[in-house]
Amino acid sequence: MTESTFEHICTILKEQDGVTEELTPETVLSEVGLDSLAVVEAVMACEADFDIEIDTEANPQTIGEFVELVDGLLEEKQA
C-alpha cells in the first residue's frame, strides 16, 4: 500500500521536527510548535521526497493546505 501525501507529510513533521501531537488536515502548523523555519525545512524535505518545486511564496497554515499544495504540484507534474 502506498503512503498518502498526508501520511508522508505527517511522517516528515514527526521525524524532522519531533511533532508528537495527533495530526489532522485541520492541524495548524504553528499550534504544534512549527515556526517558519521548521515549515521551510518541511517544504524542502517534501520537494526532495516528491521531486517537486514549491513556490517560495507558498505559506501553508495547516497540514491540509500543505497536502493540497503538494498534491496540486504532483498533478501538474504528471500532466
N, C-alpha and C. Protein backbone atom coordinates (compact mmCIF):
# COMPACT_ATOMS: atom_id res chain seq x y z
N MET A 1 0.84 -1.18 0.00
CA MET A 1 0.00 0.00 0.00
C MET A 1 0.89 1.26 0.00
N THR A 2 0.52 2.22 -0.80
CA THR A 2 1.30 3.44 -0.90
C THR A 2 0.88 4.43 0.18
N GLU A 3 1.87 5.10 0.71
CA GLU A 3 1.62 6.11 1.73
C GLU A 3 0.98 7.34 1.07
N SER A 4 -0.08 7.86 1.67
CA SER A 4 -0.73 9.06 1.11
C SER A 4 0.16 10.28 1.34
N THR A 5 -0.14 11.33 0.61
CA THR A 5 0.60 12.59 0.79
C THR A 5 0.46 13.06 2.23
N PHE A 6 -0.75 12.99 2.78
CA PHE A 6 -0.99 13.40 4.16
C PHE A 6 -0.11 12.61 5.12
N GLU A 7 -0.09 11.29 4.96
CA GLU A 7 0.72 10.44 5.85
C GLU A 7 2.21 10.76 5.71
N HIS A 8 2.65 11.01 4.48
CA HIS A 8 4.07 11.30 4.24
C HIS A 8 4.47 12.63 4.90
N ILE A 9 3.62 13.65 4.73
CA ILE A 9 3.92 14.94 5.35
C ILE A 9 3.92 14.80 6.87
N CYS A 10 2.98 14.06 7.43
CA CYS A 10 2.96 13.84 8.88
C CYS A 10 4.23 13.13 9.34
N THR A 11 4.70 12.16 8.57
CA THR A 11 5.94 11.46 8.90
C THR A 11 7.12 12.43 8.91
N ILE A 12 7.19 13.29 7.89
CA ILE A 12 8.26 14.29 7.84
C ILE A 12 8.22 15.17 9.08
N LEU A 13 7.05 15.68 9.42
CA LEU A 13 6.93 16.58 10.56
C LEU A 13 7.29 15.88 11.87
N LYS A 14 6.91 14.62 12.00
CA LYS A 14 7.21 13.89 13.22
C LYS A 14 8.70 13.55 13.32
N GLU A 15 9.30 13.12 12.22
CA GLU A 15 10.71 12.74 12.24
C GLU A 15 11.63 13.95 12.29
N GLN A 16 11.31 14.97 11.50
CA GLN A 16 12.20 16.11 11.37
C GLN A 16 12.05 17.10 12.52
N ASP A 17 10.82 17.28 12.98
CA ASP A 17 10.57 18.34 13.96
C ASP A 17 10.10 17.82 15.31
N GLY A 18 10.01 16.51 15.46
CA GLY A 18 9.64 15.95 16.74
C GLY A 18 8.20 16.20 17.15
N VAL A 19 7.33 16.43 16.18
CA VAL A 19 5.92 16.65 16.49
C VAL A 19 5.35 15.36 17.06
N THR A 20 4.70 15.45 18.20
CA THR A 20 4.14 14.26 18.84
C THR A 20 2.62 14.30 18.90
N GLU A 21 2.04 15.46 18.63
CA GLU A 21 0.58 15.59 18.68
C GLU A 21 -0.08 14.78 17.57
N GLU A 22 -1.35 14.45 17.79
CA GLU A 22 -2.16 13.81 16.75
C GLU A 22 -2.37 14.84 15.65
N LEU A 23 -2.08 14.47 14.41
CA LEU A 23 -2.18 15.40 13.30
C LEU A 23 -3.39 15.09 12.43
N THR A 24 -4.10 16.13 12.05
CA THR A 24 -5.24 16.03 11.15
C THR A 24 -5.05 17.07 10.05
N PRO A 25 -5.84 17.00 8.98
CA PRO A 25 -5.72 18.04 7.95
C PRO A 25 -6.00 19.45 8.49
N GLU A 26 -6.75 19.55 9.57
CA GLU A 26 -7.08 20.85 10.15
C GLU A 26 -6.01 21.36 11.12
N THR A 27 -5.01 20.55 11.42
CA THR A 27 -3.97 20.95 12.36
C THR A 27 -3.23 22.18 11.84
N VAL A 28 -3.19 23.23 12.66
CA VAL A 28 -2.47 24.46 12.32
C VAL A 28 -1.00 24.23 12.67
N LEU A 29 -0.13 24.45 11.70
CA LEU A 29 1.29 24.15 11.88
C LEU A 29 1.89 24.88 13.08
N SER A 30 1.55 26.15 13.25
CA SER A 30 2.13 26.91 14.36
C SER A 30 1.64 26.41 15.72
N GLU A 31 0.47 25.78 15.75
CA GLU A 31 -0.08 25.30 17.01
C GLU A 31 0.59 24.01 17.50
N VAL A 32 1.35 23.36 16.63
CA VAL A 32 2.10 22.17 17.07
C VAL A 32 3.58 22.50 17.19
N GLY A 33 3.87 23.80 17.30
CA GLY A 33 5.23 24.23 17.58
C GLY A 33 6.13 24.45 16.38
N LEU A 34 5.55 24.50 15.19
CA LEU A 34 6.38 24.70 14.00
C LEU A 34 6.47 26.18 13.67
N ASP A 35 7.69 26.72 13.74
CA ASP A 35 7.88 28.11 13.34
C ASP A 35 8.14 28.16 11.83
N SER A 36 8.37 29.35 11.31
CA SER A 36 8.53 29.49 9.87
C SER A 36 9.74 28.71 9.34
N LEU A 37 10.81 28.64 10.12
CA LEU A 37 11.98 27.87 9.68
C LEU A 37 11.66 26.38 9.58
N ALA A 38 10.93 25.86 10.55
CA ALA A 38 10.55 24.44 10.52
C ALA A 38 9.65 24.15 9.32
N VAL A 39 8.76 25.08 8.99
CA VAL A 39 7.90 24.88 7.82
C VAL A 39 8.73 24.89 6.55
N VAL A 40 9.69 25.80 6.45
CA VAL A 40 10.58 25.84 5.28
C VAL A 40 11.34 24.52 5.16
N GLU A 41 11.84 24.01 6.28
CA GLU A 41 12.56 22.73 6.25
C GLU A 41 11.65 21.59 5.81
N ALA A 42 10.40 21.59 6.25
CA ALA A 42 9.45 20.56 5.84
C ALA A 42 9.14 20.68 4.35
N VAL A 43 9.01 21.92 3.87
CA VAL A 43 8.78 22.15 2.45
C VAL A 43 9.96 21.60 1.64
N MET A 44 11.17 21.88 2.09
CA MET A 44 12.36 21.39 1.38
C MET A 44 12.41 19.87 1.38
N ALA A 45 12.04 19.25 2.48
CA ALA A 45 12.02 17.79 2.55
C ALA A 45 10.99 17.23 1.57
N CYS A 46 9.83 17.89 1.47
CA CYS A 46 8.81 17.44 0.52
C CYS A 46 9.28 17.61 -0.92
N GLU A 47 9.95 18.72 -1.18
CA GLU A 47 10.48 18.93 -2.53
C GLU A 47 11.42 17.79 -2.91
N ALA A 48 12.28 17.41 -2.00
CA ALA A 48 13.23 16.33 -2.27
C ALA A 48 12.52 14.98 -2.41
N ASP A 49 11.60 14.71 -1.50
CA ASP A 49 10.93 13.40 -1.49
C ASP A 49 9.99 13.21 -2.69
N PHE A 50 9.31 14.29 -3.09
CA PHE A 50 8.32 14.18 -4.16
C PHE A 50 8.86 14.66 -5.51
N ASP A 51 10.10 15.18 -5.54
CA ASP A 51 10.71 15.71 -6.75
C ASP A 51 9.83 16.79 -7.38
N ILE A 52 9.48 17.78 -6.55
CA ILE A 52 8.68 18.92 -6.98
C ILE A 52 9.37 20.20 -6.52
N GLU A 53 8.90 21.33 -7.03
CA GLU A 53 9.41 22.62 -6.58
C GLU A 53 8.24 23.45 -6.09
N ILE A 54 8.26 23.77 -4.81
CA ILE A 54 7.19 24.53 -4.18
C ILE A 54 7.55 26.01 -4.23
N ASP A 55 6.60 26.82 -4.65
CA ASP A 55 6.79 28.27 -4.75
C ASP A 55 7.24 28.84 -3.40
N THR A 56 8.25 29.67 -3.44
CA THR A 56 8.78 30.24 -2.20
C THR A 56 7.76 31.15 -1.51
N GLU A 57 6.76 31.61 -2.25
CA GLU A 57 5.71 32.44 -1.65
C GLU A 57 4.64 31.61 -0.96
N ALA A 58 4.64 30.31 -1.19
CA ALA A 58 3.64 29.43 -0.57
C ALA A 58 3.85 29.44 0.94
N ASN A 59 2.75 29.57 1.65
CA ASN A 59 2.84 29.62 3.10
C ASN A 59 1.67 28.85 3.71
N PRO A 60 1.72 27.52 3.63
CA PRO A 60 0.60 26.74 4.17
C PRO A 60 0.47 26.96 5.68
N GLN A 61 -0.76 27.13 6.14
CA GLN A 61 -1.01 27.34 7.56
C GLN A 61 -1.42 26.06 8.26
N THR A 62 -2.03 25.14 7.50
CA THR A 62 -2.49 23.88 8.08
C THR A 62 -1.88 22.72 7.30
N ILE A 63 -1.95 21.54 7.89
CA ILE A 63 -1.45 20.36 7.18
C ILE A 63 -2.29 20.12 5.93
N GLY A 64 -3.59 20.37 6.01
CA GLY A 64 -4.46 20.21 4.84
C GLY A 64 -4.03 21.10 3.69
N GLU A 65 -3.69 22.36 3.98
CA GLU A 65 -3.20 23.27 2.94
C GLU A 65 -1.88 22.77 2.36
N PHE A 66 -1.04 22.25 3.21
CA PHE A 66 0.25 21.70 2.78
C PHE A 66 0.02 20.52 1.83
N VAL A 67 -0.89 19.63 2.19
CA VAL A 67 -1.21 18.46 1.36
C VAL A 67 -1.78 18.91 0.02
N GLU A 68 -2.71 19.87 0.03
CA GLU A 68 -3.31 20.37 -1.22
C GLU A 68 -2.23 20.96 -2.13
N LEU A 69 -1.30 21.69 -1.55
CA LEU A 69 -0.21 22.29 -2.30
C LEU A 69 0.63 21.22 -2.98
N VAL A 70 1.04 20.22 -2.21
CA VAL A 70 1.88 19.14 -2.75
C VAL A 70 1.11 18.33 -3.79
N ASP A 71 -0.14 17.96 -3.48
CA ASP A 71 -0.94 17.18 -4.43
C ASP A 71 -1.15 17.93 -5.74
N GLY A 72 -1.39 19.25 -5.66
CA GLY A 72 -1.56 20.06 -6.86
C GLY A 72 -0.32 20.05 -7.73
N LEU A 73 0.84 20.17 -7.09
CA LEU A 73 2.10 20.14 -7.85
C LEU A 73 2.37 18.77 -8.44
N LEU A 74 2.00 17.73 -7.71
CA LEU A 74 2.18 16.36 -8.25
C LEU A 74 1.28 16.13 -9.46
N GLU A 75 0.05 16.66 -9.42
CA GLU A 75 -0.85 16.54 -10.57
C GLU A 75 -0.30 17.30 -11.77
N GLU A 76 0.22 18.50 -11.55
CA GLU A 76 0.81 19.28 -12.63
C GLU A 76 1.99 18.55 -13.25
N LYS A 77 2.78 17.93 -12.39
CA LYS A 77 3.98 17.21 -12.85
C LYS A 77 3.60 16.04 -13.75
N GLN A 78 2.49 15.37 -13.43
CA GLN A 78 2.06 14.20 -14.19
C GLN A 78 1.34 14.58 -15.48
N ALA A 79 0.88 15.82 -15.56
CA ALA A 79 0.10 16.25 -16.75
C ALA A 79 0.97 16.45 -17.97
